[in-house]
Amino acid sequence: MKPFIRPNGEQRWMEVRGETRFDSESRPLLMSGISSDLTDRHEAKAYSDLMAQEMG
């Protein structure tokens, strides 16, 4: 997970995965991937950790 800053200054947490396929001469043929916005999950985990720290 990596933080990204949007042009408006908002921070979003993203996970990016991808792969490149190559031909027999090691030239790239195809690139594919996906990016997922994990901001809600990251914020929920931070809140959960804070609550656990305050209670314990």
C-alpha atoms as a PDB file:
ATOM      1  CA  MET A   1       0.000   0.000   0.000  1.00  0.00           C
ATOM      2  CA  LYS A   2       1.306   3.409  -0.908  1.00  0.00           C
ATOM      3  CA  PRO A   3      -0.060   6.894  -0.206  1.00  0.00           C
ATOM      4  CA  PHE A   4      -0.853   9.106  -3.186  1.00  0.00           C
ATOM      5  CA  ILE A   5      -1.593  12.813  -2.985  1.00  0.00           C
ATOM      6  CA  ARG A   6      -4.289  14.052  -5.347  1.00  0.00           C
ATOM      7  CA  PRO A   7      -4.023  17.481  -7.008  1.00  0.00           C
ATOM      8  CA  ASN A   8      -6.528  18.858  -4.462  1.00  0.00           C
ATOM      9  CA  GLY A   9      -4.223  17.751  -1.608  1.00  0.00           C
ATOM     10  CA  GLU A  10      -6.327  14.748  -0.554  1.00  0.00           C
ATOM     11  CA  GLN A  11      -4.313  11.672   0.433  1.00  0.00           C
ATOM     12  CA  ARG A  12      -5.496   8.284  -0.845  1.00  0.00           C
ATOM     13  CA  TRP A  13      -3.992   4.855  -0.065  1.00  0.00           C
ATOM     14  CA  MET A  14      -3.543   2.702  -3.167  1.00  0.00           C
ATOM     15  CA  GLU A  15      -2.363  -0.800  -3.928  1.00  0.00           C
ATOM     16  CA  VAL A  16      -1.050  -1.305  -7.451  1.00  0.00           C
ATOM     17  CA  ARG A  17      -0.223  -4.675  -9.015  1.00  0.00           C
ATOM     18  CA  GLY A  18       0.914  -5.380 -12.512  1.00  0.00           C
ATOM     19  CA  GLU A  19       2.891  -7.612 -14.792  1.00  0.00           C
ATOM     20  CA  THR A  20       4.634  -7.408 -18.127  1.00  0.00           C
ATOM     21  CA  ARG A  21       4.839 -10.257 -20.623  1.00  0.00           C
ATOM     22  CA  PHE A  22       7.853 -10.480 -22.881  1.00  0.00           C
ATOM     23  CA  ASP A  23       8.593 -12.162 -26.199  1.00  0.00           C
ATOM     24  CA  SER A  24      11.488 -14.577 -26.788  1.00  0.00           C
ATOM     25  CA  GLU A  25      13.830 -11.616 -27.343  1.00  0.00           C
ATOM     26  CA  SER A  26      12.856 -10.000 -24.025  1.00  0.00           C
ATOM     27  CA  ARG A  27      10.833  -7.236 -25.646  1.00  0.00           C
ATOM     28  CA  PRO A  28       7.670  -6.245 -23.809  1.00  0.00           C
ATOM     29  CA  LEU A  29       4.505  -7.508 -25.497  1.00  0.00           C
ATOM     30  CA  LEU A  30       1.754  -6.830 -22.995  1.00  0.00           C
ATOM     31  CA  MET A  31       1.337  -4.952 -19.745  1.00  0.00           C
ATOM     32  CA  SER A  32      -1.643  -5.524 -17.484  1.00  0.00           C
ATOM     33  CA  GLY A  33      -2.508  -4.542 -13.961  1.00  0.00           C
ATOM     34  CA  ILE A  34      -4.972  -3.213 -11.458  1.00  0.00           C
ATOM     35  CA  SER A  35      -5.027  -0.450  -8.891  1.00  0.00           C
ATOM     36  CA  SER A  36      -7.253  -0.528  -5.823  1.00  0.00           C
ATOM     37  CA  ASP A  37      -8.168   2.381  -3.553  1.00  0.00           C
ATOM     38  CA  LEU A  38      -7.723   1.069  -0.001  1.00  0.00           C
ATOM     39  CA  THR A  39      -8.231   4.389   1.780  1.00  0.00           C
ATOM     40  CA  ASP A  40     -11.368   3.273   3.669  1.00  0.00           C
ATOM     41  CA  ARG A  41      -9.646   0.088   4.853  1.00  0.00           C
ATOM     42  CA  HIS A  42      -6.527   2.013   5.916  1.00  0.00           C
ATOM     43  CA  GLU A  43      -8.558   4.574   7.885  1.00  0.00           C
ATOM     44  CA  ALA A  44     -10.651   1.849   9.570  1.00  0.00           C
ATOM     45  CA  LYS A  45      -7.478   0.020  10.641  1.00  0.00           C
ATOM     46  CA  ALA A  46      -5.955   3.223  12.027  1.00  0.00           C
ATOM     47  CA  TYR A  47      -9.154   3.913  14.005  1.00  0.00           C
ATOM     48  CA  SER A  48      -9.273   0.325  15.291  1.00  0.00           C
ATOM     49  CA  ASP A  49      -5.640   0.521  16.395  1.00  0.00           C
ATOM     50  CA  LEU A  50      -6.296   3.810  18.200  1.00  0.00           C
ATOM     51  CA  MET A  51      -9.325   2.391  20.040  1.00  0.00           C
ATOM     52  CA  ALA A  52      -7.369  -0.713  21.066  1.00  0.00           C
ATOM     53  CA  GLN A  53      -4.535   1.470  22.355  1.00  0.00           C
ATOM     54  CA  GLU A  54      -6.912   3.638  24.390  1.00  0.00           C
ATOM     55  CA  MET A  55      -8.668   0.616  25.899  1.00  0.00           C
ATOM     56  CA  GLY A  56      -5.630  -1.442  26.707  1.00  0.00           C
END
